[in-house]
Amino acid sequence: MKKSPSKTLQSRLNYGGLVESITRLHARTQAGAAAAVNQFLTLRNWLIGACIVEFEQRGSDRARYGERLLACLSDDLVKRGIQGCSQDRLEWMRRFYVVYP
């Protein structure tokens, strides 16, 4: 019985090795991408915290918002489609900046 052309091609080119190489490459690059995203999200969160603290320290609009600053800010950011900016998360970002200035 004659081998199929695809089987012959696969053994000649070490198809299994090709699949394995691509699988390893994908895993490494996916891990690198996840690490890069984590770094940028950490930076984003710190910068958002810095913006909030700087706004609060200017004081001019602070009386207007008082305790409602984070609630209002969260609502407005969510309306603009920015995810991860709940009132609790904004408070966490503010604290993050205060702890790591």
PDB file of N, CA and C in Angstrom:
ATOM      1  N   MET A   1       0.828  -1.168   0.000  1.00  0.00           N
ATOM      2  CA  MET A   1       0.000   0.000   0.000  1.00  0.00           C
ATOM      3  C   MET A   1       0.884   1.247   0.000  1.00  0.00           C
ATOM      4  N   LYS A   2       0.476   2.211  -0.756  1.00  0.00           N
ATOM      5  CA  LYS A   2       1.250   3.435  -0.942  1.00  0.00           C
ATOM      6  C   LYS A   2       0.904   4.450   0.143  1.00  0.00           C
ATOM      7  N   LYS A   3       1.931   5.171   0.665  1.00  0.00           N
ATOM      8  CA  LYS A   3       1.704   6.239   1.656  1.00  0.00           C
ATOM      9  C   LYS A   3       0.976   7.404   0.998  1.00  0.00           C
ATOM     10  N   SER A   4       0.123   8.073   1.794  1.00  0.00           N
ATOM     11  CA  SER A   4      -0.558   9.254   1.266  1.00  0.00           C
ATOM     12  C   SER A   4       0.452  10.388   1.142  1.00  0.00           C
ATOM     13  N   PRO A   5       0.225  11.301   0.193  1.00  0.00           N
ATOM     14  CA  PRO A   5       1.184  12.412   0.008  1.00  0.00           C
ATOM     15  C   PRO A   5       1.336  13.259   1.266  1.00  0.00           C
ATOM     16  N   SER A   6       0.241  13.462   2.017  1.00  0.00           N
ATOM     17  CA  SER A   6       0.360  14.293   3.213  1.00  0.00           C
ATOM     18  C   SER A   6       1.198  13.613   4.280  1.00  0.00           C
ATOM     19  N   LYS A   7       1.090  12.288   4.407  1.00  0.00           N
ATOM     20  CA  LYS A   7       1.907  11.560   5.396  1.00  0.00           C
ATOM     21  C   LYS A   7       3.381  11.635   5.006  1.00  0.00           C
ATOM     22  N   THR A   8       3.661  11.485   3.729  1.00  0.00           N
ATOM     23  CA  THR A   8       5.043  11.557   3.264  1.00  0.00           C
ATOM     24  C   THR A   8       5.600  12.952   3.517  1.00  0.00           C
ATOM     25  N   LEU A   9       4.817  13.973   3.205  1.00  0.00           N
ATOM     26  CA  LEU A   9       5.254  15.352   3.418  1.00  0.00           C
ATOM     27  C   LEU A   9       5.485  15.623   4.901  1.00  0.00           C
ATOM     28  N   GLN A  10       4.559  15.135   5.736  1.00  0.00           N
ATOM     29  CA  GLN A  10       4.680  15.357   7.183  1.00  0.00           C
ATOM     30  C   GLN A  10       5.953  14.728   7.727  1.00  0.00           C
ATOM     31  N   SER A  11       6.274  13.508   7.317  1.00  0.00           N
ATOM     32  CA  SER A  11       7.473  12.881   7.865  1.00  0.00           C
ATOM     33  C   SER A  11       8.734  13.511   7.287  1.00  0.00           C
ATOM     34  N   ARG A  12       8.684  13.936   6.043  1.00  0.00           N
ATOM     35  CA  ARG A  12       9.856  14.549   5.443  1.00  0.00           C
ATOM     36  C   ARG A  12      10.175  15.900   6.080  1.00  0.00           C
ATOM     37  N   LEU A  13       9.181  16.661   6.429  1.00  0.00           N
ATOM     38  CA  LEU A  13       9.403  17.998   6.969  1.00  0.00           C
ATOM     39  C   LEU A  13       9.315  18.048   8.490  1.00  0.00           C
ATOM     40  N   ASN A  14       9.180  16.917   9.122  1.00  0.00           N
ATOM     41  CA  ASN A  14       9.034  16.837  10.576  1.00  0.00           C
ATOM     42  C   ASN A  14       7.890  17.748  11.044  1.00  0.00           C
ATOM     43  N   TYR A  15       6.710  17.425  10.535  1.00  0.00           N
ATOM     44  CA  TYR A  15       5.512  18.206  10.826  1.00  0.00           C
ATOM     45  C   TYR A  15       5.264  18.312  12.329  1.00  0.00           C
ATOM     46  N   GLY A  16       5.502  17.241  13.064  1.00  0.00           N
ATOM     47  CA  GLY A  16       5.317  17.262  14.521  1.00  0.00           C
ATOM     48  C   GLY A  16       6.229  18.294  15.170  1.00  0.00           C
ATOM     49  N   GLY A  17       7.452  18.407  14.679  1.00  0.00           N
ATOM     50  CA  GLY A  17       8.378  19.411  15.197  1.00  0.00           C
ATOM     51  C   GLY A  17       7.908  20.827  14.904  1.00  0.00           C
ATOM     52  N   LEU A  18       7.329  20.998  13.715  1.00  0.00           N
ATOM     53  CA  LEU A  18       6.791  22.302  13.351  1.00  0.00           C
ATOM     54  C   LEU A  18       5.652  22.703  14.286  1.00  0.00           C
ATOM     55  N   VAL A  19       4.734  21.778  14.514  1.00  0.00           N
ATOM     56  CA  VAL A  19       3.609  22.046  15.411  1.00  0.00           C
ATOM     57  C   VAL A  19       4.113  22.353  16.810  1.00  0.00           C
ATOM     58  N   GLU A  20       5.071  21.601  17.286  1.00  0.00           N
ATOM     59  CA  GLU A  20       5.627  21.807  18.621  1.00  0.00           C
ATOM     60  C   GLU A  20       6.328  23.162  18.717  1.00  0.00           C
ATOM     61  N   SER A  21       7.085  23.526  17.697  1.00  0.00           N
ATOM     62  CA  SER A  21       7.772  24.828  17.699  1.00  0.00           C
ATOM     63  C   SER A  21       6.779  25.978  17.756  1.00  0.00           C
ATOM     64  N   ILE A  22       5.733  25.892  16.955  1.00  0.00           N
ATOM     65  CA  ILE A  22       4.720  26.949  16.953  1.00  0.00           C
ATOM     66  C   ILE A  22       3.993  27.000  18.288  1.00  0.00           C
ATOM     67  N   THR A  23       3.718  25.846  18.876  1.00  0.00           N
ATOM     68  CA  THR A  23       3.055  25.796  20.183  1.00  0.00           C
ATOM     69  C   THR A  23       3.915  26.467  21.247  1.00  0.00           C
ATOM     70  N   ARG A  24       5.214  26.176  21.273  1.00  0.00           N
ATOM     71  CA  ARG A  24       6.119  26.803  22.241  1.00  0.00           C
ATOM     72  C   ARG A  24       6.234  28.307  21.993  1.00  0.00           C
ATOM     73  N   LEU A  25       6.351  28.704  20.735  1.00  0.00           N
ATOM     74  CA  LEU A  25       6.429  30.113  20.377  1.00  0.00           C
ATOM     75  C   LEU A  25       5.168  30.850  20.843  1.00  0.00           C
ATOM     76  N   HIS A  26       4.024  30.259  20.600  1.00  0.00           N
ATOM     77  CA  HIS A  26       2.760  30.870  21.019  1.00  0.00           C
ATOM     78  C   HIS A  26       2.711  31.044  22.539  1.00  0.00           C
ATOM     79  N   ALA A  27       3.095  30.017  23.275  1.00  0.00           N
ATOM     80  CA  ALA A  27       3.060  30.080  24.744  1.00  0.00           C
ATOM     81  C   ALA A  27       3.979  31.177  25.262  1.00  0.00           C
ATOM     82  N   ARG A  28       5.192  31.269  24.703  1.00  0.00           N
ATOM     83  CA  ARG A  28       6.136  32.303  25.154  1.00  0.00           C
ATOM     84  C   ARG A  28       5.643  33.701  24.832  1.00  0.00           C
ATOM     85  N   THR A  29       5.173  33.902  23.632  1.00  0.00           N
ATOM     86  CA  THR A  29       4.729  35.248  23.248  1.00  0.00           C
ATOM     87  C   THR A  29       3.441  35.630  23.965  1.00  0.00           C
ATOM     88  N   GLN A  30       2.586  34.660  24.214  1.00  0.00           N
ATOM     89  CA  GLN A  30       1.359  34.956  24.952  1.00  0.00           C
ATOM     90  C   GLN A  30       1.692  35.361  26.384  1.00  0.00           C
ATOM     91  N   ALA A  31       2.640  34.678  26.998  1.00  0.00           N
ATOM     92  CA  ALA A  31       3.062  35.038  28.357  1.00  0.00           C
ATOM     93  C   ALA A  31       3.698  36.428  28.362  1.00  0.00           C
ATOM     94  N   GLY A  32       4.494  36.732  27.347  1.00  0.00           N
ATOM     95  CA  GLY A  32       5.107  38.056  27.249  1.00  0.00           C
ATOM     96  C   GLY A  32       4.068  39.147  27.053  1.00  0.00           C
ATOM     97  N   ALA A  33       3.064  38.863  26.248  1.00  0.00           N
ATOM     98  CA  ALA A  33       2.002  39.842  26.019  1.00  0.00           C
ATOM     99  C   ALA A  33       1.221  40.088  27.307  1.00  0.00           C
ATOM    100  N   ALA A  34       0.928  39.039  28.039  1.00  0.00           N
ATOM    101  CA  ALA A  34       0.203  39.183  29.307  1.00  0.00           C
ATOM    102  C   ALA A  34       1.021  40.020  30.294  1.00  0.00           C
ATOM    103  N   ALA A  35       2.326  39.781  30.341  1.00  0.00           N
ATOM    104  CA  ALA A  35       3.182  40.560  31.242  1.00  0.00           C
ATOM    105  C   ALA A  35       3.202  42.032  30.831  1.00  0.00           C
ATOM    106  N   ALA A  36       3.265  42.302  29.532  1.00  0.00           N
ATOM    107  CA  ALA A  36       3.262  43.690  29.050  1.00  0.00           C
ATOM    108  C   ALA A  36       1.943  44.377  29.386  1.00  0.00           C
ATOM    109  N   VAL A  37       0.838  43.675  29.191  1.00  0.00           N
ATOM    110  CA  VAL A  37      -0.472  44.239  29.522  1.00  0.00           C
ATOM    111  C   VAL A  37      -0.544  44.532  31.012  1.00  0.00           C
ATOM    112  N   ASN A  38      -0.065  43.615  31.838  1.00  0.00           N
ATOM    113  CA  ASN A  38      -0.069  43.841  33.288  1.00  0.00           C
ATOM    114  C   ASN A  38       0.749  45.075  33.661  1.00  0.00           C
ATOM    115  N   GLN A  39       1.893  45.261  33.023  1.00  0.00           N
ATOM    116  CA  GLN A  39       2.724  46.431  33.304  1.00  0.00           C
ATOM    117  C   GLN A  39       1.995  47.717  32.931  1.00  0.00           C
ATOM    118  N   PHE A  40       1.360  47.726  31.772  1.00  0.00           N
ATOM    119  CA  PHE A  40       0.655  48.930  31.332  1.00  0.00           C
ATOM    120  C   PHE A  40      -0.575  49.213  32.187  1.00  0.00           C
ATOM    121  N   LEU A  41      -1.281  48.172  32.619  1.00  0.00           N
ATOM    122  CA  LEU A  41      -2.433  48.383  33.490  1.00  0.00           C
ATOM    123  C   LEU A  41      -1.994  48.913  34.851  1.00  0.00           C
ATOM    124  N   THR A  42      -0.879  48.408  35.353  1.00  0.00           N
ATOM    125  CA  THR A  42      -0.347  48.912  36.618  1.00  0.00           C
ATOM    126  C   THR A  42       0.019  50.385  36.485  1.00  0.00           C
ATOM    127  N   LEU A  43       0.684  50.729  35.392  1.00  0.00           N
ATOM    128  CA  LEU A  43       1.039  52.124  35.141  1.00  0.00           C
ATOM    129  C   LEU A  43      -0.211  52.985  34.989  1.00  0.00           C
ATOM    130  N   ARG A  44      -1.196  52.492  34.243  1.00  0.00           N
ATOM    131  CA  ARG A  44      -2.454  53.231  34.078  1.00  0.00           C
ATOM    132  C   ARG A  44      -3.119  53.490  35.420  1.00  0.00           C
ATOM    133  N   ASN A  45      -3.188  52.461  36.255  1.00  0.00           N
ATOM    134  CA  ASN A  45      -3.839  52.606  37.558  1.00  0.00           C
ATOM    135  C   ASN A  45      -3.110  53.615  38.438  1.00  0.00           C
ATOM    136  N   TRP A  46      -1.784  53.589  38.407  1.00  0.00           N
ATOM    137  CA  TRP A  46      -0.998  54.543  39.204  1.00  0.00           C
ATOM    138  C   TRP A  46      -1.224  55.961  38.684  1.00  0.00           C
ATOM    139  N   LEU A  47      -1.233  56.134  37.372  1.00  0.00           N
ATOM    140  CA  LEU A  47      -1.435  57.461  36.785  1.00  0.00           C
ATOM    141  C   LEU A  47      -2.839  57.994  37.062  1.00  0.00           C
ATOM    142  N   ILE A  48      -3.841  57.134  37.014  1.00  0.00           N
ATOM    143  CA  ILE A  48      -5.197  57.566  37.359  1.00  0.00           C
ATOM    144  C   ILE A  48      -5.237  58.010  38.814  1.00  0.00           C
ATOM    145  N   GLY A  49      -4.587  57.249  39.682  1.00  0.00           N
ATOM    146  CA  GLY A  49      -4.493  57.638  41.092  1.00  0.00           C
ATOM    147  C   GLY A  49      -3.816  58.982  41.250  1.00  0.00           C
ATOM    148  N   ALA A  50      -2.762  59.214  40.485  1.00  0.00           N
ATOM    149  CA  ALA A  50      -2.056  60.504  40.543  1.00  0.00           C
ATOM    150  C   ALA A  50      -2.976  61.639  40.105  1.00  0.00           C
ATOM    151  N   CYS A  51      -3.743  61.435  39.051  1.00  0.00           N
ATOM    152  CA  CYS A  51      -4.675  62.472  38.577  1.00  0.00           C
ATOM    153  C   CYS A  51      -5.705  62.800  39.649  1.00  0.00           C
ATOM    154  N   ILE A  52      -6.217  61.781  40.313  1.00  0.00           N
ATOM    155  CA  ILE A  52      -7.229  61.999  41.356  1.00  0.00           C
ATOM    156  C   ILE A  52      -6.632  62.782  42.517  1.00  0.00           C
ATOM    157  N   VAL A  53      -5.456  62.370  42.970  1.00  0.00           N
ATOM    158  CA  VAL A  53      -4.808  63.042  44.100  1.00  0.00           C
ATOM    159  C   VAL A  53      -4.488  64.492  43.741  1.00  0.00           C
ATOM    160  N   GLU A  54      -3.947  64.708  42.548  1.00  0.00           N
ATOM    161  CA  GLU A  54      -3.621  66.076  42.129  1.00  0.00           C
ATOM    162  C   GLU A  54      -4.883  66.938  42.076  1.00  0.00           C
ATOM    163  N   PHE A  55      -5.968  66.383  41.570  1.00  0.00           N
ATOM    164  CA  PHE A  55      -7.228  67.120  41.516  1.00  0.00           C
ATOM    165  C   PHE A  55      -7.714  67.454  42.922  1.00  0.00           C
ATOM    166  N   GLU A  56      -7.647  66.475  43.819  1.00  0.00           N
ATOM    167  CA  GLU A  56      -8.089  66.699  45.202  1.00  0.00           C
ATOM    168  C   GLU A  56      -7.225  67.745  45.898  1.00  0.00           C
ATOM    169  N   GLN A  57      -5.945  67.742  45.642  1.00  0.00           N
ATOM    170  CA  GLN A  57      -5.043  68.665  46.326  1.00  0.00           C
ATOM    171  C   GLN A  57      -5.165  70.097  45.819  1.00  0.00           C
ATOM    172  N   ARG A  58      -5.667  70.272  44.606  1.00  0.00           N
ATOM    173  CA  ARG A  58      -5.902  71.633  44.124  1.00  0.00           C
ATOM    174  C   ARG A  58      -7.001  72.293  44.932  1.00  0.00           C
ATOM    175  N   GLY A  59      -7.983  71.518  45.354  1.00  0.00           N
ATOM    176  CA  GLY A  59      -8.968  72.004  46.296  1.00  0.00           C
ATOM    177  C   GLY A  59     -10.098  72.845  45.767  1.00  0.00           C
ATOM    178  N   SER A  60      -9.940  73.481  44.635  1.00  0.00           N
ATOM    179  CA  SER A  60     -10.967  74.425  44.189  1.00  0.00           C
ATOM    180  C   SER A  60     -12.306  73.749  43.919  1.00  0.00           C
ATOM    181  N   ASP A  61     -12.272  72.581  43.321  1.00  0.00           N
ATOM    182  CA  ASP A  61     -13.521  71.877  43.030  1.00  0.00           C
ATOM    183  C   ASP A  61     -13.853  70.838  44.087  1.00  0.00           C
ATOM    184  N   ARG A  62     -12.994  70.687  45.043  1.00  0.00           N
ATOM    185  CA  ARG A  62     -13.186  69.634  46.036  1.00  0.00           C
ATOM    186  C   ARG A  62     -14.473  69.838  46.821  1.00  0.00           C
ATOM    187  N   ALA A  63     -14.761  71.060  47.204  1.00  0.00           N
ATOM    188  CA  ALA A  63     -15.974  71.315  47.978  1.00  0.00           C
ATOM    189  C   ALA A  63     -17.216  70.963  47.171  1.00  0.00           C
ATOM    190  N   ARG A  64     -17.152  71.191  45.882  1.00  0.00           N
ATOM    191  CA  ARG A  64     -18.291  70.899  45.028  1.00  0.00           C
ATOM    192  C   ARG A  64     -18.626  69.406  45.022  1.00  0.00           C
ATOM    193  N   TYR A  65     -17.610  68.581  44.965  1.00  0.00           N
ATOM    194  CA  TYR A  65     -17.836  67.145  44.908  1.00  0.00           C
ATOM    195  C   TYR A  65     -17.801  66.484  46.282  1.00  0.00           C
ATOM    196  N   GLY A  66     -16.926  66.963  47.153  1.00  0.00           N
ATOM    197  CA  GLY A  66     -16.789  66.361  48.470  1.00  0.00           C
ATOM    198  C   GLY A  66     -16.570  64.866  48.377  1.00  0.00           C
ATOM    199  N   GLU A  67     -17.344  64.125  49.129  1.00  0.00           N
ATOM    200  CA  GLU A  67     -17.230  62.669  49.169  1.00  0.00           C
ATOM    201  C   GLU A  67     -17.711  62.017  47.874  1.00  0.00           C
ATOM    202  N   ARG A  68     -18.397  62.749  47.039  1.00  0.00           N
ATOM    203  CA  ARG A  68     -18.982  62.198  45.816  1.00  0.00           C
ATOM    204  C   ARG A  68     -18.023  62.196  44.629  1.00  0.00           C
ATOM    205  N   LEU A  69     -16.819  62.699  44.811  1.00  0.00           N
ATOM    206  CA  LEU A  69     -15.884  62.791  43.695  1.00  0.00           C
ATOM    207  C   LEU A  69     -15.715  61.450  42.993  1.00  0.00           C
ATOM    208  N   LEU A  70     -15.375  60.407  43.741  1.00  0.00           N
ATOM    209  CA  LEU A  70     -15.096  59.116  43.117  1.00  0.00           C
ATOM    210  C   LEU A  70     -16.342  58.508  42.490  1.00  0.00           C
ATOM    211  N   ALA A  71     -17.506  58.706  43.125  1.00  0.00           N
ATOM    212  CA  ALA A  71     -18.755  58.182  42.561  1.00  0.00           C
ATOM    213  C   ALA A  71     -19.073  58.877  41.236  1.00  0.00           C
ATOM    214  N   CYS A  72     -18.958  60.194  41.205  1.00  0.00           N
ATOM    215  CA  CYS A  72     -19.225  60.954  39.972  1.00  0.00           C
ATOM    216  C   CYS A  72     -18.211  60.608  38.889  1.00  0.00           C
ATOM    217  N   LEU A  73     -16.958  60.539  39.285  1.00  0.00           N
ATOM    218  CA  LEU A  73     -15.897  60.215  38.340  1.00  0.00           C
ATOM    219  C   LEU A  73     -16.116  58.834  37.743  1.00  0.00           C
ATOM    220  N   SER A  74     -16.449  57.868  38.580  1.00  0.00           N
ATOM    221  CA  SER A  74     -16.709  56.513  38.116  1.00  0.00           C
ATOM    222  C   SER A  74     -17.853  56.491  37.114  1.00  0.00           C
ATOM    223  N   ASP A  75     -18.942  57.157  37.428  1.00  0.00           N
ATOM    224  CA  ASP A  75     -20.088  57.208  36.518  1.00  0.00           C
ATOM    225  C   ASP A  75     -19.693  57.798  35.171  1.00  0.00           C
ATOM    226  N   ASP A  76     -18.963  58.892  35.188  1.00  0.00           N
ATOM    227  CA  ASP A  76     -18.579  59.552  33.941  1.00  0.00           C
ATOM    228  C   ASP A  76     -17.617  58.701  33.109  1.00  0.00           C
ATOM    229  N   LEU A  77     -16.681  58.017  33.766  1.00  0.00           N
ATOM    230  CA  LEU A  77     -15.741  57.166  33.033  1.00  0.00           C
ATOM    231  C   LEU A  77     -16.437  55.959  32.438  1.00  0.00           C
ATOM    232  N   VAL A  78     -17.364  55.366  33.179  1.00  0.00           N
ATOM    233  CA  VAL A  78     -18.120  54.220  32.669  1.00  0.00           C
ATOM    234  C   VAL A  78     -18.951  54.649  31.451  1.00  0.00           C
ATOM    235  N   LYS A  79     -19.534  55.825  31.499  1.00  0.00           N
ATOM    236  CA  LYS A  79     -20.305  56.340  30.355  1.00  0.00           C
ATOM    237  C   LYS A  79     -19.436  56.482  29.120  1.00  0.00           C
ATOM    238  N   ARG A  80     -18.147  56.712  29.318  1.00  0.00           N
ATOM    239  CA  ARG A  80     -17.210  56.837  28.192  1.00  0.00           C
ATOM    240  C   ARG A  80     -16.627  55.489  27.779  1.00  0.00           C
ATOM    241  N   GLY A  81     -17.104  54.414  28.415  1.00  0.00           N
ATOM    242  CA  GLY A  81     -16.662  53.072  28.033  1.00  0.00           C
ATOM    243  C   GLY A  81     -15.342  52.640  28.633  1.00  0.00           C
ATOM    244  N   ILE A  82     -14.889  53.320  29.665  1.00  0.00           N
ATOM    245  CA  ILE A  82     -13.618  52.953  30.307  1.00  0.00           C
ATOM    246  C   ILE A  82     -13.909  51.926  31.383  1.00  0.00           C
ATOM    247  N   GLN A  83     -13.367  50.739  31.202  1.00  0.00           N
ATOM    248  CA  GLN A  83     -13.622  49.649  32.135  1.00  0.00           C
ATOM    249  C   GLN A  83     -12.650  49.675  33.305  1.00  0.00           C
ATOM    250  N   GLY A  84     -13.049  49.062  34.399  1.00  0.00           N
ATOM    251  CA  GLY A  84     -12.173  48.940  35.556  1.00  0.00           C
ATOM    252  C   GLY A  84     -12.084  50.201  36.388  1.00  0.00           C
ATOM    253  N   CYS A  85     -13.087  51.050  36.306  1.00  0.00           N
ATOM    254  CA  CYS A  85     -13.057  52.313  37.043  1.00  0.00           C
ATOM    255  C   CYS A  85     -14.274  52.462  37.947  1.00  0.00           C
ATOM    256  N   SER A  86     -14.594  51.402  38.664  1.00  0.00           N
ATOM    257  CA  SER A  86     -15.668  51.506  39.648  1.00  0.00           C
ATOM    258  C   SER A  86     -15.198  52.426  40.774  1.00  0.00           C
ATOM    259  N   GLN A  87     -16.125  52.847  41.594  1.00  0.00           N
ATOM    260  CA  GLN A  87     -15.765  53.735  42.713  1.00  0.00           C
ATOM    261  C   GLN A  87     -14.722  53.072  43.607  1.00  0.00           C
ATOM    262  N   ASP A  88     -14.902  51.790  43.892  1.00  0.00           N
ATOM    263  CA  ASP A  88     -13.924  51.072  44.728  1.00  0.00           C
ATOM    264  C   ASP A  88     -12.555  51.003  44.062  1.00  0.00           C
ATOM    265  N   ARG A  89     -12.533  50.737  42.748  1.00  0.00           N
ATOM    266  CA  ARG A  89     -11.253  50.656  42.037  1.00  0.00           C
ATOM    267  C   ARG A  89     -10.562  52.021  41.999  1.00  0.00           C
ATOM    268  N   LEU A  90     -11.339  53.081  41.823  1.00  0.00           N
ATOM    269  CA  LEU A  90     -10.740  54.417  41.825  1.00  0.00           C
ATOM    270  C   LEU A  90     -10.132  54.740  43.187  1.00  0.00           C
ATOM    271  N   GLU A  91     -10.799  54.335  44.230  1.00  0.00           N
ATOM    272  CA  GLU A  91     -10.238  54.533  45.576  1.00  0.00           C
ATOM    273  C   GLU A  91      -8.949  53.747  45.723  1.00  0.00           C
ATOM    274  N   TRP A  92      -8.919  52.521  45.209  1.00  0.00           N
ATOM    275  CA  TRP A  92      -7.711  51.691  45.250  1.00  0.00           C
ATOM    276  C   TRP A  92      -6.585  52.373  44.467  1.00  0.00           C
ATOM    277  N   MET A  93      -6.903  52.927  43.298  1.00  0.00           N
ATOM    278  CA  MET A  93      -5.890  53.609  42.483  1.00  0.00           C
ATOM    279  C   MET A  93      -5.337  54.828  43.215  1.00  0.00           C
ATOM    280  N   ARG A  94      -6.223  55.570  43.857  1.00  0.00           N
ATOM    281  CA  ARG A  94      -5.794  56.745  44.626  1.00  0.00           C
ATOM    282  C   ARG A  94      -4.845  56.323  45.741  1.00  0.00           C
ATOM    283  N   ARG A  95      -5.203  55.277  46.460  1.00  0.00           N
ATOM    284  CA  ARG A  95      -4.330  54.775  47.538  1.00  0.00           C
ATOM    285  C   ARG A  95      -3.020  54.253  47.005  1.00  0.00           C
ATOM    286  N   PHE A  96      -3.068  53.589  45.852  1.00  0.00           N
ATOM    287  CA  PHE A  96      -1.872  53.060  45.205  1.00  0.00           C
ATOM    288  C   PHE A  96      -0.877  54.191  44.956  1.00  0.00           C
ATOM    289  N   TYR A  97      -1.366  55.304  44.436  1.00  0.00           N
ATOM    290  CA  TYR A  97      -0.492  56.443  44.172  1.00  0.00           C
ATOM    291  C   TYR A  97       0.047  57.039  45.469  1.00  0.00           C
ATOM    292  N   VAL A  98      -0.801  57.143  46.484  1.00  0.00           N
ATOM    293  CA  VAL A  98      -0.392  57.739  47.764  1.00  0.00           C
ATOM    294  C   VAL A  98       0.699  56.883  48.411  1.00  0.00           C
ATOM    295  N   VAL A  99       0.551  55.568  48.339  1.00  0.00           N
ATOM    296  CA  VAL A  99       1.520  54.665  48.960  1.00  0.00           C
ATOM    297  C   VAL A  99       2.825  54.620  48.149  1.00  0.00           C
ATOM    298  N   TYR A 100       2.727  54.702  46.832  1.00  0.00           N
ATOM    299  CA  TYR A 100       3.911  54.643  45.957  1.00  0.00           C
ATOM    300  C   TYR A 100       3.994  55.926  45.119  1.00  0.00           C
ATOM    301  N   PRO A 101       4.323  57.056  45.743  1.00  0.00           N
ATOM    302  CA  PRO A 101       4.346  58.342  45.014  1.00  0.00           C
ATOM    303  C   PRO A 101       5.451  58.428  43.964  1.00  0.00           C
TER     304      PRO A 101
END
